[in-house]
Protein backbone atom coordinates (compact mmCIF):
# COMPACT_ATOMS: atom_id res chain seq x y z
CA UNK A 1 6.44 -66.22 17.83
CA UNK A 2 7.65 -66.34 14.23
CA UNK A 3 8.85 -69.83 13.30
CA UNK A 4 12.13 -69.82 11.36
CA UNK A 5 14.21 -72.59 9.80
CA UNK A 6 15.74 -75.01 12.28
CA UNK A 7 18.71 -73.56 14.11
CA UNK A 8 17.86 -69.91 13.43
CA UNK A 9 17.05 -67.77 16.47
CA UNK A 10 14.85 -64.73 15.77
CA UNK A 11 16.70 -62.44 18.19
CA UNK A 12 20.11 -63.35 16.80
CA UNK A 13 18.80 -62.88 13.26
CA UNK A 14 17.46 -59.42 14.05
CA UNK A 15 20.79 -58.51 15.65
CA UNK A 16 22.59 -59.59 12.48
CA UNK A 17 20.19 -57.66 10.26
CA UNK A 18 20.83 -54.59 12.39
CA UNK A 19 24.62 -54.92 12.07
CA UNK A 20 24.56 -55.63 8.33
CA UNK A 21 22.12 -52.77 7.69
CA UNK A 22 24.25 -50.15 9.42
CA UNK A 23 27.26 -51.39 7.47
CA UNK A 24 25.21 -50.85 4.31
CA UNK A 25 24.27 -47.37 5.53
CA UNK A 26 27.96 -46.44 5.75
CA UNK A 27 28.49 -47.46 2.13
CA UNK A 28 25.45 -45.58 0.88
CA UNK A 29 26.27 -42.43 2.83
CA UNK A 30 29.85 -42.51 1.59
CA UNK A 31 28.78 -42.57 -2.05
CA UNK A 32 26.02 -40.07 -1.39
CA UNK A 33 28.64 -37.59 -0.18
CA UNK A 34 30.80 -38.28 -3.22
CA UNK A 35 27.83 -37.57 -5.49
CA UNK A 36 27.05 -34.31 -3.71
CA UNK A 37 30.62 -33.10 -4.11
CA UNK A 38 31.28 -34.40 -7.61
CA UNK A 39 30.55 -32.63 -10.88
CA UNK A 40 30.97 -35.89 -12.74
CA UNK A 41 28.37 -38.34 -11.48
CA UNK A 42 29.19 -40.82 -14.23
CA UNK A 43 32.09 -42.00 -12.07
CA UNK A 44 29.57 -43.59 -9.73
CA UNK A 45 27.32 -45.04 -12.45
CA UNK A 46 27.82 -48.62 -13.61
CA UNK A 47 25.46 -48.26 -16.56
CA UNK A 48 24.05 -45.40 -18.62
CA UNK A 49 20.39 -46.38 -18.52
CA UNK A 50 18.59 -43.20 -17.46
CA UNK A 51 15.36 -45.10 -16.79
CA UNK A 52 16.99 -47.76 -14.62
CA UNK A 53 20.42 -46.63 -13.46
CA UNK A 54 22.82 -48.78 -11.42
CA UNK A 55 25.56 -47.29 -9.27
CA UNK A 56 28.67 -48.62 -7.56
CA UNK A 57 26.75 -48.21 -4.29
CA UNK A 58 24.02 -50.61 -5.49
CA UNK A 59 26.59 -53.30 -6.22
CA UNK A 60 28.69 -52.83 -3.09
CA UNK A 61 25.67 -53.03 -0.78
CA UNK A 62 24.39 -56.02 -2.72
CA UNK A 63 27.71 -57.83 -2.25
CA UNK A 64 27.95 -56.83 1.41
CA UNK A 65 24.51 -58.13 2.41
CA UNK A 66 24.67 -61.35 0.42
CA UNK A 67 28.21 -62.16 1.55
CA UNK A 68 27.39 -61.46 5.20
CA UNK A 69 24.29 -63.66 5.02
CA UNK A 70 26.06 -66.49 3.18
CA UNK A 71 28.90 -66.52 5.72
CA UNK A 72 26.69 -66.35 8.80
CA UNK A 73 23.94 -68.70 7.59
CA UNK A 74 25.70 -70.95 5.11
CA UNK A 75 23.96 -74.09 6.35
CA UNK A 76 20.43 -72.69 6.29
CA UNK A 77 18.42 -73.76 3.27
CA UNK A 78 17.01 -70.38 2.35
CA UNK A 79 17.56 -68.73 -1.03
CA UNK A 80 18.24 -65.16 -2.15
CA UNK A 81 16.51 -62.95 -4.70
CA UNK A 82 18.33 -59.67 -5.36
CA UNK A 83 17.52 -56.92 -7.83
CA UNK A 84 21.15 -56.55 -8.85
CA UNK A 85 21.59 -60.27 -9.40
CA UNK A 86 18.51 -60.34 -11.60
CA UNK A 87 19.84 -57.41 -13.63
CA UNK A 88 23.35 -58.82 -13.84
CA UNK A 89 24.84 -61.99 -15.17
CA UNK A 90 24.24 -64.04 -12.05
CA UNK A 91 22.34 -67.22 -11.30
CA UNK A 92 19.18 -66.04 -9.59
CA UNK A 93 16.81 -68.64 -10.98
CA UNK A 94 17.08 -71.12 -8.12
CA UNK A 95 14.70 -69.73 -5.52
CA UNK A 96 12.96 -73.07 -5.08
CA UNK A 97 12.57 -72.82 -1.32
CA UNK A 98 9.84 -71.90 1.13
CA UNK A 99 12.32 -69.37 2.51
CA UNK A 100 13.56 -66.61 0.19
CA UNK A 101 15.36 -63.41 1.13
CA UNK A 102 14.42 -60.49 -1.14
CA UNK A 103 16.96 -57.67 -1.42
CA UNK A 104 16.94 -54.25 -2.99
CA UNK A 105 20.32 -52.78 -2.04
CA UNK A 106 19.35 -49.29 -3.20
CA UNK A 107 15.70 -48.47 -3.78
CA UNK A 108 15.34 -45.00 -5.24
CA UNK A 109 18.56 -44.93 -7.25
CA UNK A 110 17.42 -41.87 -9.22
CA UNK A 111 16.84 -39.96 -5.99
CA UNK A 112 20.21 -41.19 -4.73
CA UNK A 113 21.88 -39.71 -7.80
CA UNK A 114 19.79 -36.52 -7.57
CA UNK A 115 20.76 -36.02 -3.94
CA UNK A 116 17.23 -35.84 -2.48
CA UNK A 117 17.97 -38.30 0.34
CA UNK A 118 14.88 -40.33 -0.47
CA UNK A 119 16.53 -43.69 -1.00
CA UNK A 120 16.50 -46.89 1.05
CA UNK A 121 17.71 -50.45 1.36
CA UNK A 122 15.06 -53.19 1.52
CA UNK A 123 15.68 -56.68 2.86
CA UNK A 124 12.83 -59.08 3.62
CA UNK A 125 12.46 -62.77 4.36
CA UNK A 126 9.59 -64.38 2.47
CA UNK A 127 7.97 -67.58 3.65
CA UNK A 128 5.86 -69.38 1.06
CA UNK A 129 5.81 -66.27 -1.14
CA UNK A 130 4.70 -63.86 1.63
CA UNK A 131 6.93 -61.40 3.55
CA UNK A 132 7.49 -62.60 7.10
CA UNK A 133 10.02 -60.14 8.49
CA UNK A 134 12.40 -57.52 7.20
CA UNK A 135 14.12 -54.18 7.36
CA UNK A 136 13.89 -50.84 5.58
CA UNK A 137 17.01 -48.71 5.98
CA UNK A 138 16.85 -44.96 5.25
CA UNK A 139 20.44 -43.75 5.71
CA UNK A 140 19.91 -40.02 5.22
CA UNK A 141 17.37 -39.98 8.08
CA UNK A 142 19.45 -42.32 10.26
CA UNK A 143 16.45 -44.69 10.39
CA UNK A 144 16.35 -48.46 10.43
CA UNK A 145 12.80 -49.83 10.38
CA UNK A 146 12.63 -53.42 11.63
CA UNK A 147 9.78 -55.93 11.66
CA UNK A 148 10.23 -59.25 13.41
CA UNK A 149 6.86 -60.37 12.07
CA UNK A 150 5.01 -59.45 15.26
CA UNK A 151 6.24 -55.95 16.10
CA UNK A 152 7.74 -53.06 14.18
CA UNK A 153 10.06 -50.37 15.46
CA UNK A 154 12.52 -47.77 14.22
CA UNK A 155 16.11 -47.53 15.42
CA UNK A 156 18.66 -44.75 15.10
CA UNK A 157 22.35 -44.89 15.80
CA UNK A 158 21.89 -41.99 18.24
CA UNK A 159 19.41 -44.21 20.13
CA UNK A 160 16.69 -41.56 19.95
CA UNK A 161 14.04 -43.77 18.44
CA UNK A 162 10.93 -42.07 17.07
CA UNK A 163 7.57 -43.11 18.49
CA UNK A 164 5.10 -44.82 16.21
CA UNK A 165 1.85 -43.00 15.61
CA UNK A 166 -1.60 -44.46 16.04
CA UNK A 167 -3.54 -44.34 12.79
CA UNK A 168 -6.85 -42.43 12.88
CA UNK A 169 -9.82 -43.46 10.78
CA UNK A 170 -9.81 -41.00 7.88
CA UNK A 171 -11.98 -40.91 4.83
CA UNK A 172 -10.25 -41.20 1.47
CA UNK A 173 -10.69 -37.48 0.83
CA UNK A 174 -9.13 -36.54 4.16
CA UNK A 175 -5.95 -38.44 3.37
CA UNK A 176 -2.53 -37.26 2.29
CA UNK A 177 -1.24 -39.26 -0.64
CA UNK A 178 2.46 -40.00 -1.06
CA UNK A 179 3.34 -40.71 -4.67
CA UNK A 180 6.34 -41.31 -6.87
CA UNK A 181 8.71 -38.52 -7.81
CA UNK A 182 10.37 -40.27 -10.75
CA UNK A 183 7.93 -43.06 -11.66
CA UNK A 184 4.58 -41.55 -12.50
CA UNK A 185 2.29 -41.67 -15.54
CA UNK A 186 -0.66 -39.63 -16.87
CA UNK A 187 -3.19 -42.27 -15.83
CA UNK A 188 -2.09 -42.19 -12.21
CA UNK A 189 -2.04 -38.38 -12.24
CA UNK A 190 -5.60 -38.36 -13.58
CA UNK A 191 -6.74 -40.75 -10.83
CA UNK A 192 -5.09 -38.61 -8.17
CA UNK A 193 -6.86 -35.55 -9.53
CA UNK A 194 -10.27 -37.25 -9.47
CA UNK A 195 -9.87 -38.58 -5.94
CA UNK A 196 -9.14 -35.07 -4.63
CA UNK A 197 -6.91 -36.05 -1.75
CA UNK A 198 -6.42 -33.56 1.05
CA UNK A 199 -2.84 -33.14 -0.10
CA UNK A 200 -0.22 -34.88 -2.22
CA UNK A 201 3.49 -35.27 -1.49
CA UNK A 202 6.10 -36.78 -3.81
CA UNK A 203 9.24 -38.70 -2.98
CA UNK A 204 11.39 -41.53 -4.25
CA UNK A 205 11.75 -45.07 -2.88
CA UNK A 206 8.76 -47.12 -1.82
CA UNK A 207 10.54 -47.75 1.48
CA UNK A 208 10.67 -44.01 2.12
CA UNK A 209 7.01 -43.66 1.19
CA UNK A 210 5.95 -46.44 3.54
CA UNK A 211 8.03 -44.95 6.36
CA UNK A 212 6.31 -41.62 5.80
CA UNK A 213 2.96 -43.39 6.26
CA UNK A 214 4.08 -45.01 9.51
CA UNK A 215 5.42 -41.68 10.79
CA UNK A 216 2.01 -40.12 10.09
CA UNK A 217 3.33 -37.70 7.48
CA UNK A 218 1.11 -39.31 4.83
CA UNK A 219 -1.74 -41.83 4.82
CA UNK A 220 -1.83 -43.72 1.55
CA UNK A 221 0.30 -44.75 -1.43
CA UNK A 222 -0.99 -45.89 -4.82
CA UNK A 223 1.05 -47.66 -7.49
CA UNK A 224 -0.59 -47.83 -10.92
CA UNK A 225 1.28 -49.73 -13.63
CA UNK A 226 0.15 -49.60 -17.22
CA UNK A 227 0.10 -52.79 -19.33
CA UNK A 228 3.39 -53.50 -21.11
CA UNK A 229 5.13 -50.80 -19.08
CA UNK A 230 7.46 -51.06 -16.13
CA UNK A 231 6.04 -52.23 -12.80
CA UNK A 232 7.33 -52.45 -9.25
CA UNK A 233 9.17 -55.67 -8.54
CA UNK A 234 9.24 -58.01 -5.56
CA UNK A 235 12.29 -56.27 -4.09
CA UNK A 236 10.52 -52.91 -4.23
CA UNK A 237 7.62 -54.07 -2.07
CA UNK A 238 8.46 -57.08 0.12
CA UNK A 239 10.24 -55.27 2.97
CA UNK A 240 8.04 -52.15 2.91
CA UNK A 241 4.96 -54.39 2.97
CA UNK A 242 5.90 -56.30 6.10
CA UNK A 243 7.00 -53.09 7.85
CA UNK A 244 3.66 -51.40 7.16
CA UNK A 245 1.51 -54.46 7.85
CA UNK A 246 3.18 -55.09 11.20
CA UNK A 247 2.56 -51.43 12.07
CA UNK A 248 -1.18 -51.91 11.46
CA UNK A 249 -1.42 -50.86 7.83
CA UNK A 250 -2.16 -52.85 4.69
CA UNK A 251 -0.73 -53.45 1.22
CA UNK A 252 -3.07 -55.05 -1.32
CA UNK A 253 -4.16 -54.90 -4.91
CA UNK A 254 -7.30 -53.00 -5.90
CA UNK A 255 -9.43 -56.05 -5.09
CA UNK A 256 -8.11 -55.95 -1.49
CA UNK A 257 -6.17 -59.16 -2.12
CA UNK A 258 -2.72 -59.79 -0.65
CA UNK A 259 0.25 -59.55 -3.00
CA UNK A 260 1.85 -62.75 -4.22
CA UNK A 261 5.61 -62.86 -4.64
CA UNK A 262 8.12 -64.89 -6.65
CA UNK A 263 6.13 -64.95 -9.87
CA UNK A 264 8.22 -65.72 -13.00
CA UNK A 265 8.87 -62.06 -13.86
CA UNK A 266 8.93 -60.81 -10.24
CA UNK A 267 6.53 -58.01 -11.27
CA UNK A 268 3.85 -56.45 -9.09
CA UNK A 269 1.69 -54.90 -11.77
CA UNK A 270 -1.77 -53.39 -11.87
CA UNK A 271 -2.94 -51.16 -9.04
CA UNK A 272 -1.47 -51.53 -5.55
CA UNK A 273 -2.75 -49.62 -2.55
CA UNK A 274 -0.83 -49.20 0.71
CA UNK A 275 -2.65 -47.51 3.57
CA UNK A 276 -2.11 -46.82 7.24
CA UNK A 277 -5.18 -48.69 8.51
CA UNK A 278 -5.89 -52.32 7.69
CA UNK A 279 -9.43 -51.98 9.02
CA UNK A 280 -10.16 -49.32 6.39
CA UNK A 281 -8.37 -51.02 3.48
CA UNK A 282 -11.40 -52.76 1.99
CA UNK A 283 -13.40 -49.53 1.99
CA UNK A 284 -10.53 -47.55 0.47
CA UNK A 285 -10.07 -50.10 -2.32
CA UNK A 286 -13.79 -50.02 -3.09
CA UNK A 287 -13.91 -46.22 -3.19
CA UNK A 288 -10.89 -45.96 -5.48
CA UNK A 289 -12.28 -48.67 -7.74
CA UNK A 290 -15.59 -46.82 -8.04
CA UNK A 291 -13.79 -43.61 -9.03
CA UNK A 292 -11.79 -45.50 -11.63
CA UNK A 293 -14.95 -47.00 -13.10
CA UNK A 294 -16.85 -43.71 -13.02
CA UNK A 295 -14.23 -41.86 -15.03
CA UNK A 296 -13.04 -44.84 -17.08
CA UNK A 297 -9.53 -44.17 -15.84
CA UNK A 298 -8.14 -47.67 -15.95
CA UNK A 299 -10.10 -49.75 -18.51
CA UNK A 300 -8.91 -53.08 -17.15
CA UNK A 301 -10.96 -52.77 -13.97
CA UNK A 302 -14.09 -54.90 -14.20
């Protein structure tokens, strides 16, 4: 049983996360429909940064989740780390607690704007800088992935919940890679080419990618961040990590080490590998590292 702060019941907390998440889904779907029907998408944008756009939907979901949590759990000593609060003019610096909620109200904003449907909401509870439980909401698929720290399942509002797949032992070269649609770089593309995966699919949102791994549609995801360039942040990975790990997968760096959260810049740089089988993770990391060294793909690997 997952131990939570005094006075917090795990079942009641999961019920609340379910309610708040479906409320967030309604907001995201509403703005998604507006975007699909509108010729002027700038009405939804709150900034004009093409590399890192923010929409009204981001901010409304951010406010919804944080307000709901503050009202329901105002006397619990946990803190909140939100992507939109970090970007905005808000006080996000006080996360000095063993318990920190990590929120990305809209992961895959570019895909949201483009109308691909590959966007998600991430919300995870970290304990001592490690994800303990969380949710990944994918509104366009009517999917709410929930981990209570011990089990993971997917819920739909139509109550037809998809079954989780068992993960077969595949070699690296038999795997289907899921990779970023809008956040790639030539170094990662070169690595993908040299690995020679069975197939490669692209989509936005790390939450969507991780869900595709759990569904069995793909097997592995690789994030490769170049020095002094943008990297995934805590809110991109915390909820997807606990969802995948509880399902039997793994999320580590190239050295097969667990990720550490709440660093000063909230960045998760370097090379991160998420796979569907924790028993194979060490071998996969080693194989990828050897390919990188052989072709001198990423010169910072020792």
